[in-house]
Amino acid sequence: MRRREFISLFAGAAAAWPRLASAQQLASVRRIGILMNYPEGDPEATQRIDAFLQGIGELGWRNGKNISVDYRWGVDSRSVTANAAELVALAPDLIVANGPPSVLALRQLTKTVPVVFAAVTDPVGLGLVQSMARPGGNFTGFFPAELEMSAKWLELLKEIVPGVKRAAVLAEPSNLGARRQFSVIEDAAPALGVVVDRIGVGDADAIDRDIGAFASAPDGGLIVIRTSENIAARDHVIAAASRYRLPAIYPLRLFVTGGGLASYGPDIVEEYREAAGYADRILKGGKPADLPVQASTKFEFVLNLKTAKSLGLAIPDHLLALADEVIE
C-alpha cells in the first residue's frame, strides 16, 4: 500500500473513532422508568425518588451518564394505566413503581420488563409474586408491613382517646390495597368496642363534607390508612380533622409534621434507598424472580402534642415514652 493511501485510510478511521465511541457510550446507557401514582412535584414522592437516585448513585449509576430516567406522574386510575403503558412502550431495562395501583397496571402490560416496587402492601395477595422468598416472575421489591398491622391504627386511636366508639376509615373503595387494609380494621373493631365506617377519597370539598358529616355525631375518631390517594390529599384531610376537632391516626410521619395528631408506620423513603440496591443488581444481570421481597424494618411512632392540646387530649405517659418523635 502506498504511503499516501495509508495516511488517507488512517485519517478516515481516526475520524470515525469519536462517532464509534459515542455510539458505544449510548449503547451502555441503561433506561429506568419511574412510575409514581402521585401528582408531579408532590414533596413526599420527590423525597422518595431522591432517595432512590442517591442510593443508585452511590452504586455508580448517574442519570444522564450511564442511566437515563423517565418519569410518569398521575393519581387517578386512568392516568396511572396510561403512564404505565407509556413506560413499557419505551422498553426500559427496569421500572421502579410506587404502590398497588402502579404495579397492578404494570402487571397487565408486561411479563418481561423487570419491576422493582415499593410501598406495596400484600404483594402475594395482589398476585404480583408467587412468594416473598421466591417471587418467580418479573416483579420484586419492598412492602411496608403485613396487612395485620392495619389494626394497630385502631388500637392506637383507642389508647389515645378511650371514649372513641365510632371510627371513620378514609379508604378509597376502588383501591384494592385500601379495601384490604379496611377489612383488617373492620375485623378488629368489635373486640375494641368500636363501630367502623368507610369514607371515600374525593376532592377537597368532598373530604371536608364527608368528614364533617361523620364528626357531627359524638365519640368519633378518624383513621387515615396508607394509600397514595390519602397521601396526595393529606393537607385537606388534616385541615378537615382539625376543623371538626376529630382525633385522627395517620399512617406516616409526614401527616404529623403537617399538623396531624399521631402516626404509626414504616419509613417509605428508606424503602426507596433499598430499592436502589435491587435496581443495581438487575442492571448487572440479576433477575427479579431470584430477589426476595423484603419488608420494611424501620417503623416510626410520632405524636404532635400541639395538636393534642388543641383537641383537649392528654396523651398517656406510656405512649409518650414509646414515641420515636414528639412534636411540641
C-alpha atoms as a PDB file:
ATOM      1  CA  MET A   1       0.000   0.000   0.000  1.00  0.00           C
ATOM      2  CA  ARG A   2       1.322   3.432  -0.914  1.00  0.00           C
ATOM      3  CA  ARG A   3       2.159   5.816   1.890  1.00  0.00           C
ATOM      4  CA  ARG A   4      -0.396   8.406   0.722  1.00  0.00           C
ATOM      5  CA  GLU A   5      -3.179   5.765   0.623  1.00  0.00           C
ATOM      6  CA  PHE A   6      -2.239   4.514   4.078  1.00  0.00           C
ATOM      7  CA  ILE A   7      -2.332   8.017   5.533  1.00  0.00           C
ATOM      8  CA  SER A   8      -5.700   8.649   3.903  1.00  0.00           C
ATOM      9  CA  LEU A   9      -7.107   5.381   5.279  1.00  0.00           C
ATOM     10  CA  PHE A  10      -5.710   6.077   8.756  1.00  0.00           C
ATOM     11  CA  ALA A  11      -7.194   9.599   8.772  1.00  0.00           C
ATOM     12  CA  GLY A  12     -10.621   8.254   7.786  1.00  0.00           C
ATOM     13  CA  ALA A  13     -10.557   5.648  10.533  1.00  0.00           C
ATOM     14  CA  ALA A  14      -9.436   8.180  13.109  1.00  0.00           C
ATOM     15  CA  ALA A  15     -12.261  10.478  12.151  1.00  0.00           C
ATOM     16  CA  ALA A  16     -14.729   7.645  12.790  1.00  0.00           C
ATOM     17  CA  TRP A  17     -13.403   6.944  16.304  1.00  0.00           C
ATOM     18  CA  PRO A  18     -15.386   9.735  18.054  1.00  0.00           C
ATOM     19  CA  ARG A  19     -18.591   8.528  16.391  1.00  0.00           C
ATOM     20  CA  LEU A  20     -17.821   4.929  17.369  1.00  0.00           C
ATOM     21  CA  ALA A  21     -17.044   5.927  20.959  1.00  0.00           C
ATOM     22  CA  SER A  22     -20.248   7.967  21.113  1.00  0.00           C
ATOM     23  CA  ALA A  23     -22.299   5.037  19.801  1.00  0.00           C
ATOM     24  CA  GLN A  24     -20.733   2.703  22.359  1.00  0.00           C
ATOM     25  CA  GLN A  25     -21.452   5.219  25.130  1.00  0.00           C
ATOM     26  CA  LEU A  26     -25.094   5.494  24.059  1.00  0.00           C
ATOM     27  CA  ALA A  27     -25.394   1.713  23.937  1.00  0.00           C
ATOM     28  CA  SER A  28     -24.109   1.484  27.521  1.00  0.00           C
ATOM     29  CA  VAL A  29     -26.764   3.857  28.897  1.00  0.00           C
ATOM     30  CA  ARG A  30     -29.442   1.873  30.727  1.00  0.00           C
ATOM     31  CA  ARG A  31     -33.042   3.087  30.799  1.00  0.00           C
ATOM     32  CA  ILE A  32     -35.053   3.259  34.022  1.00  0.00           C
ATOM     33  CA  GLY A  33     -38.726   4.158  34.237  1.00  0.00           C
ATOM     34  CA  ILE A  34     -40.207   5.558  37.452  1.00  0.00           C
ATOM     35  CA  LEU A  35     -43.993   5.269  37.815  1.00  0.00           C
ATOM     36  CA  MET A  36     -45.459   7.375  40.615  1.00  0.00           C
ATOM     37  CA  ASN A  37     -49.158   7.446  41.453  1.00  0.00           C
ATOM     38  CA  TYR A  38     -48.773  10.975  42.827  1.00  0.00           C
ATOM     39  CA  PRO A  39     -49.189  14.435  41.345  1.00  0.00           C
ATOM     40  CA  GLU A  40     -45.973  15.710  39.832  1.00  0.00           C
ATOM     41  CA  GLY A  41     -43.865  17.597  42.342  1.00  0.00           C
ATOM     42  CA  ASP A  42     -45.505  16.089  45.440  1.00  0.00           C
ATOM     43  CA  PRO A  43     -42.916  16.608  48.214  1.00  0.00           C
ATOM     44  CA  GLU A  44     -43.223  13.087  49.606  1.00  0.00           C
ATOM     45  CA  ALA A  45     -42.901  11.472  46.166  1.00  0.00           C
ATOM     46  CA  THR A  46     -39.963  13.706  45.328  1.00  0.00           C
ATOM     47  CA  GLN A  47     -38.223  12.719  48.550  1.00  0.00           C
ATOM     48  CA  ARG A  48     -38.689   9.042  47.676  1.00  0.00           C
ATOM     49  CA  ILE A  49     -37.244   9.480  44.196  1.00  0.00           C
ATOM     50  CA  ASP A  50     -34.326  11.499  45.554  1.00  0.00           C
ATOM     51  CA  ALA A  51     -33.549   8.657  47.973  1.00  0.00           C
ATOM     52  CA  PHE A  52     -33.578   6.152  45.101  1.00  0.00           C
ATOM     53  CA  LEU A  53     -31.333   8.308  42.905  1.00  0.00           C
ATOM     54  CA  GLN A  54     -28.948   8.918  45.781  1.00  0.00           C
ATOM     55  CA  GLY A  55     -28.811   5.211  46.530  1.00  0.00           C
ATOM     56  CA  ILE A  56     -28.206   4.151  42.958  1.00  0.00           C
ATOM     57  CA  GLY A  57     -25.719   6.988  42.529  1.00  0.00           C
ATOM     58  CA  GLU A  58     -23.658   5.583  45.389  1.00  0.00           C
ATOM     59  CA  LEU A  59     -23.516   2.338  43.410  1.00  0.00           C
ATOM     60  CA  GLY A  60     -22.027   4.072  40.374  1.00  0.00           C
ATOM     61  CA  TRP A  61     -25.105   4.938  38.306  1.00  0.00           C
ATOM     62  CA  ARG A  62     -25.575   8.548  37.201  1.00  0.00           C
ATOM     63  CA  ASN A  63     -28.635   9.959  35.477  1.00  0.00           C
ATOM     64  CA  GLY A  64     -27.535  11.431  32.154  1.00  0.00           C
ATOM     65  CA  LYS A  65     -24.311   9.413  32.231  1.00  0.00           C
ATOM     66  CA  ASN A  66     -24.839   5.656  32.314  1.00  0.00           C
ATOM     67  CA  ILE A  67     -28.576   5.683  33.078  1.00  0.00           C
ATOM     68  CA  SER A  68     -31.486   7.603  31.613  1.00  0.00           C
ATOM     69  CA  VAL A  69     -34.533   8.067  33.851  1.00  0.00           C
ATOM     70  CA  ASP A  70     -38.080   8.561  32.535  1.00  0.00           C
ATOM     71  CA  TYR A  71     -40.764   9.755  34.984  1.00  0.00           C
ATOM     72  CA  ARG A  72     -44.522   9.405  34.837  1.00  0.00           C
ATOM     73  CA  TRP A  73     -46.907  11.032  37.344  1.00  0.00           C
ATOM     74  CA  GLY A  74     -50.633  10.717  37.964  1.00  0.00           C
ATOM     75  CA  VAL A  75     -53.074   9.826  40.735  1.00  0.00           C
ATOM     76  CA  ASP A  76     -56.318   8.666  39.116  1.00  0.00           C
ATOM     77  CA  SER A  77     -56.560   5.142  37.689  1.00  0.00           C
ATOM     78  CA  ARG A  78     -56.819   6.310  34.075  1.00  0.00           C
ATOM     79  CA  SER A  79     -53.611   8.315  34.336  1.00  0.00           C
ATOM     80  CA  VAL A  80     -51.760   5.505  36.090  1.00  0.00           C
ATOM     81  CA  THR A  81     -52.790   2.999  33.409  1.00  0.00           C
ATOM     82  CA  ALA A  82     -51.815   5.325  30.555  1.00  0.00           C
ATOM     83  CA  ASN A  83     -48.499   6.190  32.206  1.00  0.00           C
ATOM     84  CA  ALA A  84     -47.673   2.533  32.777  1.00  0.00           C
ATOM     85  CA  ALA A  85     -48.318   1.795  29.093  1.00  0.00           C
ATOM     86  CA  GLU A  86     -46.070   4.675  28.029  1.00  0.00           C
ATOM     87  CA  LEU A  87     -43.193   3.443  30.182  1.00  0.00           C
ATOM     88  CA  VAL A  88     -43.497  -0.153  28.978  1.00  0.00           C
ATOM     89  CA  ALA A  89     -43.507   1.077  25.366  1.00  0.00           C
ATOM     90  CA  LEU A  90     -40.113   2.695  25.990  1.00  0.00           C
ATOM     91  CA  ALA A  91     -38.657  -0.808  26.597  1.00  0.00           C
ATOM     92  CA  PRO A  92     -36.750   0.188  29.743  1.00  0.00           C
ATOM     93  CA  ASP A  93     -34.245  -2.036  31.473  1.00  0.00           C
ATOM     94  CA  LEU A  94     -36.386  -1.786  34.605  1.00  0.00           C
ATOM     95  CA  ILE A  95     -39.265   0.158  36.118  1.00  0.00           C
ATOM     96  CA  VAL A  96     -39.484   1.412  39.693  1.00  0.00           C
ATOM     97  CA  ALA A  97     -43.153   1.568  40.708  1.00  0.00           C
ATOM     98  CA  ASN A  98     -44.918   3.037  43.730  1.00  0.00           C
ATOM     99  CA  GLY A  99     -47.981   1.493  45.345  1.00  0.00           C
ATOM    100  CA  PRO A 100     -50.600  -1.073  44.300  1.00  0.00           C
ATOM    101  CA  PRO A 101     -52.263   0.990  41.517  1.00  0.00           C
ATOM    102  CA  SER A 102     -48.953   1.309  39.671  1.00  0.00           C
ATOM    103  CA  VAL A 103     -47.880  -2.304  39.934  1.00  0.00           C
ATOM    104  CA  LEU A 104     -51.324  -3.663  39.103  1.00  0.00           C
ATOM    105  CA  ALA A 105     -51.339  -1.566  35.930  1.00  0.00           C
ATOM    106  CA  LEU A 106     -47.879  -2.869  35.004  1.00  0.00           C
ATOM    107  CA  ARG A 107     -48.872  -6.462  35.713  1.00  0.00           C
ATOM    108  CA  GLN A 108     -51.473  -6.224  32.931  1.00  0.00           C
ATOM    109  CA  LEU A 109     -48.906  -4.886  30.466  1.00  0.00           C
ATOM    110  CA  THR A 110     -45.689  -6.843  30.809  1.00  0.00           C
ATOM    111  CA  LYS A 111     -44.309 -10.166  31.950  1.00  0.00           C
ATOM    112  CA  THR A 112     -40.758  -9.363  30.864  1.00  0.00           C
ATOM    113  CA  VAL A 113     -39.768  -5.841  31.967  1.00  0.00           C
ATOM    114  CA  PRO A 114     -38.241  -6.075  35.461  1.00  0.00           C
ATOM    115  CA  VAL A 115     -40.251  -4.122  38.039  1.00  0.00           C
ATOM    116  CA  VAL A 116     -38.962  -3.085  41.473  1.00  0.00           C
ATOM    117  CA  PHE A 117     -41.849  -1.892  43.639  1.00  0.00           C
ATOM    118  CA  ALA A 118     -42.087  -0.005  46.907  1.00  0.00           C
ATOM    119  CA  ALA A 119     -44.961   0.776  49.282  1.00  0.00           C
ATOM    120  CA  VAL A 120     -46.991  -2.240  48.137  1.00  0.00           C
ATOM    121  CA  THR A 121     -48.920  -3.974  50.904  1.00  0.00           C
ATOM    122  CA  ASP A 122     -49.579  -7.705  50.419  1.00  0.00           C
ATOM    123  CA  PRO A 123     -47.765  -8.353  47.101  1.00  0.00           C
ATOM    124  CA  VAL A 124     -48.637 -12.068  47.264  1.00  0.00           C
ATOM    125  CA  GLY A 125     -52.324 -11.339  47.768  1.00  0.00           C
ATOM    126  CA  LEU A 126     -52.237  -8.903  44.865  1.00  0.00           C
ATOM    127  CA  GLY A 127     -50.846 -11.632  42.614  1.00  0.00           C
ATOM    128  CA  LEU A 128     -47.562  -9.857  41.915  1.00  0.00           C
ATOM    129  CA  VAL A 129     -45.265 -12.572  43.248  1.00  0.00           C
ATOM    130  CA  GLN A 130     -45.564 -16.281  43.974  1.00  0.00           C
ATOM    131  CA  SER A 131     -43.979 -15.917  47.400  1.00  0.00           C
ATOM    132  CA  MET A 132     -41.924 -13.418  49.329  1.00  0.00           C
ATOM    133  CA  ALA A 133     -38.834 -15.634  49.250  1.00  0.00           C
ATOM    134  CA  ARG A 134     -39.112 -16.594  45.562  1.00  0.00           C
ATOM    135  CA  PRO A 135     -41.075 -14.000  43.586  1.00  0.00           C
ATOM    136  CA  GLY A 136     -40.885 -16.135  40.469  1.00  0.00           C
ATOM    137  CA  GLY A 137     -41.689 -13.502  37.844  1.00  0.00           C
ATOM    138  CA  ASN A 138     -40.634 -10.036  36.754  1.00  0.00           C
ATOM    139  CA  PHE A 139     -41.727  -8.277  39.983  1.00  0.00           C
ATOM    140  CA  THR A 140     -39.896  -7.858  43.258  1.00  0.00           C
ATOM    141  CA  GLY A 141     -39.427  -5.111  45.798  1.00  0.00           C
ATOM    142  CA  PHE A 142     -40.370  -3.870  49.237  1.00  0.00           C
ATOM    143  CA  PHE A 143     -43.583  -3.809  51.218  1.00  0.00           C
ATOM    144  CA  PRO A 144     -44.337  -1.558  54.200  1.00  0.00           C
ATOM    145  CA  ALA A 145     -45.853  -4.062  56.638  1.00  0.00           C
ATOM    146  CA  GLU A 146     -48.058  -7.088  56.994  1.00  0.00           C
ATOM    147  CA  LEU A 147     -51.735  -6.323  56.494  1.00  0.00           C
ATOM    148  CA  GLU A 148     -52.429  -7.202  60.122  1.00  0.00           C
ATOM    149  CA  MET A 149     -50.563  -4.061  61.160  1.00  0.00           C
ATOM    150  CA  SER A 150     -53.566  -2.039  59.963  1.00  0.00           C
ATOM    151  CA  ALA A 151     -55.374  -2.970  63.179  1.00  0.00           C
ATOM    152  CA  LYS A 152     -52.659  -1.117  65.106  1.00  0.00           C
ATOM    153  CA  TRP A 153     -54.101   2.224  63.951  1.00  0.00           C
ATOM    154  CA  LEU A 154     -57.442   1.444  65.568  1.00  0.00           C
ATOM    155  CA  GLU A 155     -55.752   0.219  68.751  1.00  0.00           C
ATOM    156  CA  LEU A 156     -53.706   3.408  68.888  1.00  0.00           C
ATOM    157  CA  LEU A 157     -56.789   5.589  68.414  1.00  0.00           C
ATOM    158  CA  LYS A 158     -58.487   3.763  71.277  1.00  0.00           C
ATOM    159  CA  GLU A 159     -55.450   4.214  73.537  1.00  0.00           C
ATOM    160  CA  ILE A 160     -55.222   7.949  72.876  1.00  0.00           C
ATOM    161  CA  VAL A 161     -58.988   8.503  73.115  1.00  0.00           C
ATOM    162  CA  PRO A 162     -60.502   5.692  75.232  1.00  0.00           C
ATOM    163  CA  GLY A 163     -64.010   7.067  74.754  1.00  0.00           C
ATOM    164  CA  VAL A 164     -63.989   6.539  70.989  1.00  0.00           C
ATOM    165  CA  LYS A 165     -66.929   4.371  69.892  1.00  0.00           C
ATOM    166  CA  ARG A 166     -67.032   5.231  66.190  1.00  0.00           C
ATOM    167  CA  ALA A 167     -64.192   5.352  63.681  1.00  0.00           C
ATOM    168  CA  ALA A 168     -64.273   6.583  60.107  1.00  0.00           C
ATOM    169  CA  VAL A 169     -61.643   4.989  57.874  1.00  0.00           C
ATOM    170  CA  LEU A 170     -60.502   7.064  54.930  1.00  0.00           C
ATOM    171  CA  ALA A 171     -60.210   4.334  52.301  1.00  0.00           C
ATOM    172  CA  GLU A 172     -60.884   4.733  48.592  1.00  0.00           C
ATOM    173  CA  PRO A 173     -63.036   1.693  47.623  1.00  0.00           C
ATOM    174  CA  SER A 174     -61.548   1.462  44.116  1.00  0.00           C
ATOM    175  CA  ASN A 175     -58.088   0.820  45.606  1.00  0.00           C
ATOM    176  CA  LEU A 176     -57.579  -2.897  46.296  1.00  0.00           C
ATOM    177  CA  GLY A 177     -54.906  -2.202  48.911  1.00  0.00           C
ATOM    178  CA  ALA A 178     -57.295   0.176  50.671  1.00  0.00           C
ATOM    179  CA  ARG A 179     -60.036  -2.438  50.714  1.00  0.00           C
ATOM    180  CA  ARG A 180     -57.679  -4.983  52.273  1.00  0.00           C
ATOM    181  CA  GLN A 181     -56.495  -2.587  54.973  1.00  0.00           C
ATOM    182  CA  PHE A 182     -60.076  -1.555  55.772  1.00  0.00           C
ATOM    183  CA  SER A 183     -61.087  -5.211  56.090  1.00  0.00           C
ATOM    184  CA  VAL A 184     -58.425  -5.813  58.750  1.00  0.00           C
ATOM    185  CA  ILE A 185     -59.562  -2.748  60.731  1.00  0.00           C
ATOM    186  CA  GLU A 186     -63.190  -3.806  60.411  1.00  0.00           C
ATOM    187  CA  ASP A 187     -62.389  -7.280  61.776  1.00  0.00           C
ATOM    188  CA  ALA A 188     -60.546  -5.821  64.778  1.00  0.00           C
ATOM    189  CA  ALA A 189     -63.229  -3.264  65.666  1.00  0.00           C
ATOM    190  CA  PRO A 190     -65.737  -5.413  67.656  1.00  0.00           C
ATOM    191  CA  ALA A 191     -63.137  -6.515  70.202  1.00  0.00           C
ATOM    192  CA  LEU A 192     -62.314  -2.863  70.850  1.00  0.00           C
ATOM    193  CA  GLY A 193     -65.941  -1.802  71.110  1.00  0.00           C
ATOM    194  CA  VAL A 194     -65.753   0.411  68.036  1.00  0.00           C
ATOM    195  CA  VAL A 195     -68.045   0.613  65.016  1.00  0.00           C
ATOM    196  CA  VAL A 196     -66.176   1.486  61.826  1.00  0.00           C
ATOM    197  CA  ASP A 197     -67.374   3.116  58.654  1.00  0.00           C
ATOM    198  CA  ARG A 198     -65.618   3.942  55.407  1.00  0.00           C
ATOM    199  CA  ILE A 199     -65.203   7.347  53.781  1.00  0.00           C
ATOM    200  CA  GLY A 200     -64.093   7.586  50.157  1.00  0.00           C
ATOM    201  CA  VAL A 201     -61.417   9.996  48.984  1.00  0.00           C
ATOM    202  CA  GLY A 202     -62.774  12.809  46.827  1.00  0.00           C
ATOM    203  CA  ASP A 203     -61.713  16.376  46.166  1.00  0.00           C
ATOM    204  CA  ALA A 204     -61.128  18.914  48.935  1.00  0.00           C
ATOM    205  CA  ASP A 205     -64.811  19.843  49.205  1.00  0.00           C
ATOM    206  CA  ALA A 206     -65.916  16.194  49.354  1.00  0.00           C
ATOM    207  CA  ILE A 207     -63.338  15.356  52.021  1.00  0.00           C
ATOM    208  CA  ASP A 208     -64.440  18.303  54.138  1.00  0.00           C
ATOM    209  CA  ARG A 209     -68.121  17.468  53.684  1.00  0.00           C
ATOM    210  CA  ASP A 210     -67.779  13.749  54.476  1.00  0.00           C
ATOM    211  CA  ILE A 211     -65.518  14.182  57.493  1.00  0.00           C
ATOM    212  CA  GLY A 212     -67.754  16.962  58.752  1.00  0.00           C
ATOM    213  CA  ALA A 213     -70.843  14.768  58.427  1.00  0.00           C
ATOM    214  CA  PHE A 214     -69.166  11.970  60.365  1.00  0.00           C
ATOM    215  CA  ALA A 215     -67.957  14.345  63.081  1.00  0.00           C
ATOM    216  CA  SER A 216     -71.468  15.699  63.648  1.00  0.00           C
ATOM    217  CA  ALA A 217     -72.154  12.728  65.968  1.00  0.00           C
ATOM    218  CA  PRO A 218     -70.184  12.259  69.222  1.00  0.00           C
ATOM    219  CA  ASP A 219     -67.428   9.808  70.233  1.00  0.00           C
ATOM    220  CA  GLY A 220     -65.834   9.645  66.795  1.00  0.00           C
ATOM    221  CA  GLY A 221     -62.293   9.290  65.523  1.00  0.00           C
ATOM    222  CA  LEU A 222     -60.607   9.102  62.138  1.00  0.00           C
ATOM    223  CA  ILE A 223     -58.185   6.549  60.711  1.00  0.00           C
ATOM    224  CA  VAL A 224     -56.284   7.508  57.579  1.00  0.00           C
ATOM    225  CA  ILE A 225     -54.822   4.371  56.023  1.00  0.00           C
ATOM    226  CA  ARG A 226     -51.697   4.112  53.885  1.00  0.00           C
ATOM    227  CA  THR A 227     -52.690   4.778  50.259  1.00  0.00           C
ATOM    228  CA  SER A 228     -51.427   7.141  47.591  1.00  0.00           C
ATOM    229  CA  GLU A 229     -54.828   8.874  47.443  1.00  0.00           C
ATOM    230  CA  ASN A 230     -54.675   9.700  51.152  1.00  0.00           C
ATOM    231  CA  ILE A 231     -51.083  10.891  50.953  1.00  0.00           C
ATOM    232  CA  ALA A 232     -51.866  13.133  47.994  1.00  0.00           C
ATOM    233  CA  ALA A 233     -54.882  14.597  49.848  1.00  0.00           C
ATOM    234  CA  ARG A 234     -53.138  14.878  53.216  1.00  0.00           C
ATOM    235  CA  ASP A 235     -53.359  18.659  53.579  1.00  0.00           C
ATOM    236  CA  HIS A 236     -57.135  18.590  53.027  1.00  0.00           C
ATOM    237  CA  VAL A 237     -57.579  15.639  55.403  1.00  0.00           C
ATOM    238  CA  ILE A 238     -55.531  17.218  58.187  1.00  0.00           C
ATOM    239  CA  ALA A 239     -57.378  20.513  57.768  1.00  0.00           C
ATOM    240  CA  ALA A 240     -60.795  18.802  57.956  1.00  0.00           C
ATOM    241  CA  ALA A 241     -59.836  16.776  61.042  1.00  0.00           C
ATOM    242  CA  SER A 242     -58.698  19.987  62.721  1.00  0.00           C
ATOM    243  CA  ARG A 243     -61.767  21.958  61.676  1.00  0.00           C
ATOM    244  CA  TYR A 244     -64.167  19.362  63.081  1.00  0.00           C
ATOM    245  CA  ARG A 245     -61.988  18.577  66.116  1.00  0.00           C
ATOM    246  CA  LEU A 246     -61.732  14.925  65.196  1.00  0.00           C
ATOM    247  CA  PRO A 247     -58.845  12.889  66.690  1.00  0.00           C
ATOM    248  CA  ALA A 248     -57.091  11.119  63.834  1.00  0.00           C
ATOM    249  CA  ILE A 249     -54.428   8.448  63.412  1.00  0.00           C
ATOM    250  CA  TYR A 250     -52.264   8.584  60.301  1.00  0.00           C
ATOM    251  CA  PRO A 251     -50.057   6.041  58.525  1.00  0.00           C
ATOM    252  CA  LEU A 252     -46.863   8.060  58.073  1.00  0.00           C
ATOM    253  CA  ARG A 253     -44.787  10.692  59.848  1.00  0.00           C
ATOM    254  CA  LEU A 254     -45.370  13.336  57.160  1.00  0.00           C
ATOM    255  CA  PHE A 255     -49.024  13.664  58.260  1.00  0.00           C
ATOM    256  CA  VAL A 256     -47.986  14.555  61.807  1.00  0.00           C
ATOM    257  CA  THR A 257     -45.305  17.027  60.793  1.00  0.00           C
ATOM    258  CA  GLY A 258     -48.093  18.609  58.726  1.00  0.00           C
ATOM    259  CA  GLY A 259     -50.295  19.067  61.796  1.00  0.00           C
ATOM    260  CA  GLY A 260     -51.887  15.643  62.318  1.00  0.00           C
ATOM    261  CA  LEU A 261     -52.290  14.137  65.786  1.00  0.00           C
ATOM    262  CA  ALA A 262     -50.370  10.844  65.647  1.00  0.00           C
ATOM    263  CA  SER A 263     -48.926   8.349  63.182  1.00  0.00           C
ATOM    264  CA  TYR A 264     -47.552   4.858  63.138  1.00  0.00           C
ATOM    265  CA  GLY A 265     -45.977   3.390  60.066  1.00  0.00           C
ATOM    266  CA  PRO A 266     -42.904   2.499  58.036  1.00  0.00           C
ATOM    267  CA  ASP A 267     -40.274   4.799  56.622  1.00  0.00           C
ATOM    268  CA  ILE A 268     -41.132   4.524  52.907  1.00  0.00           C
ATOM    269  CA  VAL A 269     -38.215   6.748  51.921  1.00  0.00           C
ATOM    270  CA  GLU A 270     -35.929   4.070  53.333  1.00  0.00           C
ATOM    271  CA  GLU A 271     -37.613   1.520  51.040  1.00  0.00           C
ATOM    272  CA  TYR A 272     -36.549   3.596  48.059  1.00  0.00           C
ATOM    273  CA  ARG A 273     -32.946   3.640  49.229  1.00  0.00           C
ATOM    274  CA  GLU A 274     -33.062  -0.136  49.473  1.00  0.00           C
ATOM    275  CA  ALA A 275     -34.790  -0.378  46.079  1.00  0.00           C
ATOM    276  CA  ALA A 276     -31.682   1.190  44.564  1.00  0.00           C
ATOM    277  CA  GLY A 277     -29.726  -1.908  45.567  1.00  0.00           C
ATOM    278  CA  TYR A 278     -32.162  -4.161  43.739  1.00  0.00           C
ATOM    279  CA  ALA A 279     -32.074  -1.899  40.687  1.00  0.00           C
ATOM    280  CA  ASP A 280     -28.291  -2.147  40.676  1.00  0.00           C
ATOM    281  CA  ARG A 281     -28.394  -5.941  40.798  1.00  0.00           C
ATOM    282  CA  ILE A 282     -30.936  -6.132  37.969  1.00  0.00           C
ATOM    283  CA  LEU A 283     -28.955  -3.738  35.769  1.00  0.00           C
ATOM    284  CA  LYS A 284     -25.961  -6.004  36.317  1.00  0.00           C
ATOM    285  CA  GLY A 285     -27.859  -9.104  35.188  1.00  0.00           C
ATOM    286  CA  GLY A 286     -29.852 -10.194  38.238  1.00  0.00           C
ATOM    287  CA  LYS A 287     -33.415 -11.485  37.884  1.00  0.00           C
ATOM    288  CA  PRO A 288     -36.387 -10.187  39.904  1.00  0.00           C
ATOM    289  CA  ALA A 289     -37.539 -13.793  40.258  1.00  0.00           C
ATOM    290  CA  ASP A 290     -34.464 -14.503  42.399  1.00  0.00           C
ATOM    291  CA  LEU A 291     -34.598 -11.390  44.596  1.00  0.00           C
ATOM    292  CA  PRO A 292     -36.794 -11.911  47.675  1.00  0.00           C
ATOM    293  CA  VAL A 293     -39.457  -9.361  48.533  1.00  0.00           C
ATOM    294  CA  GLN A 294     -38.413  -7.576  51.706  1.00  0.00           C
ATOM    295  CA  ALA A 295     -40.455  -5.950  54.454  1.00  0.00           C
ATOM    296  CA  SER A 296     -39.723  -2.552  55.942  1.00  0.00           C
ATOM    297  CA  THR A 297     -37.524  -2.760  59.005  1.00  0.00           C
ATOM    298  CA  LYS A 298     -37.858   0.842  60.197  1.00  0.00           C
ATOM    299  CA  PHE A 299     -41.131   1.977  61.808  1.00  0.00           C
ATOM    300  CA  GLU A 300     -41.950   5.306  63.417  1.00  0.00           C
ATOM    301  CA  PHE A 301     -44.477   6.327  66.067  1.00  0.00           C
ATOM    302  CA  VAL A 302     -44.867  10.104  66.050  1.00  0.00           C
ATOM    303  CA  LEU A 303     -47.024  12.356  68.243  1.00  0.00           C
ATOM    304  CA  ASN A 304     -47.953  16.017  67.858  1.00  0.00           C
ATOM    305  CA  LEU A 305     -48.562  17.493  71.319  1.00  0.00           C
ATOM    306  CA  LYS A 306     -49.634  20.850  69.927  1.00  0.00           C
ATOM    307  CA  THR A 307     -52.462  19.157  68.035  1.00  0.00           C
ATOM    308  CA  ALA A 308     -53.357  17.038  71.066  1.00  0.00           C
ATOM    309  CA  LYS A 309     -53.630  20.195  73.181  1.00  0.00           C
ATOM    310  CA  SER A 310     -55.874  21.859  70.597  1.00  0.00           C
ATOM    311  CA  LEU A 311     -58.192  18.842  70.818  1.00  0.00           C
ATOM    312  CA  GLY A 312     -58.145  18.849  74.616  1.00  0.00           C
ATOM    313  CA  LEU A 313     -56.390  15.474  74.754  1.00  0.00           C
ATOM    314  CA  ALA A 314     -53.880  14.329  77.360  1.00  0.00           C
ATOM    315  CA  ILE A 315     -51.549  11.774  75.790  1.00  0.00           C
ATOM    316  CA  PRO A 316     -50.899   8.864  78.209  1.00  0.00           C
ATOM    317  CA  ASP A 317     -47.390   8.780  79.644  1.00  0.00           C
ATOM    318  CA  HIS A 318     -46.671   5.280  78.335  1.00  0.00           C
ATOM    319  CA  LEU A 319     -47.369   6.444  74.768  1.00  0.00           C
ATOM    320  CA  LEU A 320     -45.098   9.447  75.204  1.00  0.00           C
ATOM    321  CA  ALA A 321     -42.370   7.071  76.331  1.00  0.00           C
ATOM    322  CA  LEU A 322     -42.907   4.826  73.312  1.00  0.00           C
ATOM    323  CA  ALA A 323     -42.901   7.640  70.739  1.00  0.00           C
ATOM    324  CA  ASP A 324     -39.953   7.866  68.368  1.00  0.00           C
ATOM    325  CA  GLU A 325     -40.639  11.571  67.958  1.00  0.00           C
ATOM    326  CA  VAL A 326     -42.752  14.070  69.883  1.00  0.00           C
ATOM    327  CA  ILE A 327     -43.550  17.330  68.145  1.00  0.00           C
ATOM    328  CA  GLU A 328     -44.195  20.179  70.579  1.00  0.00           C
END
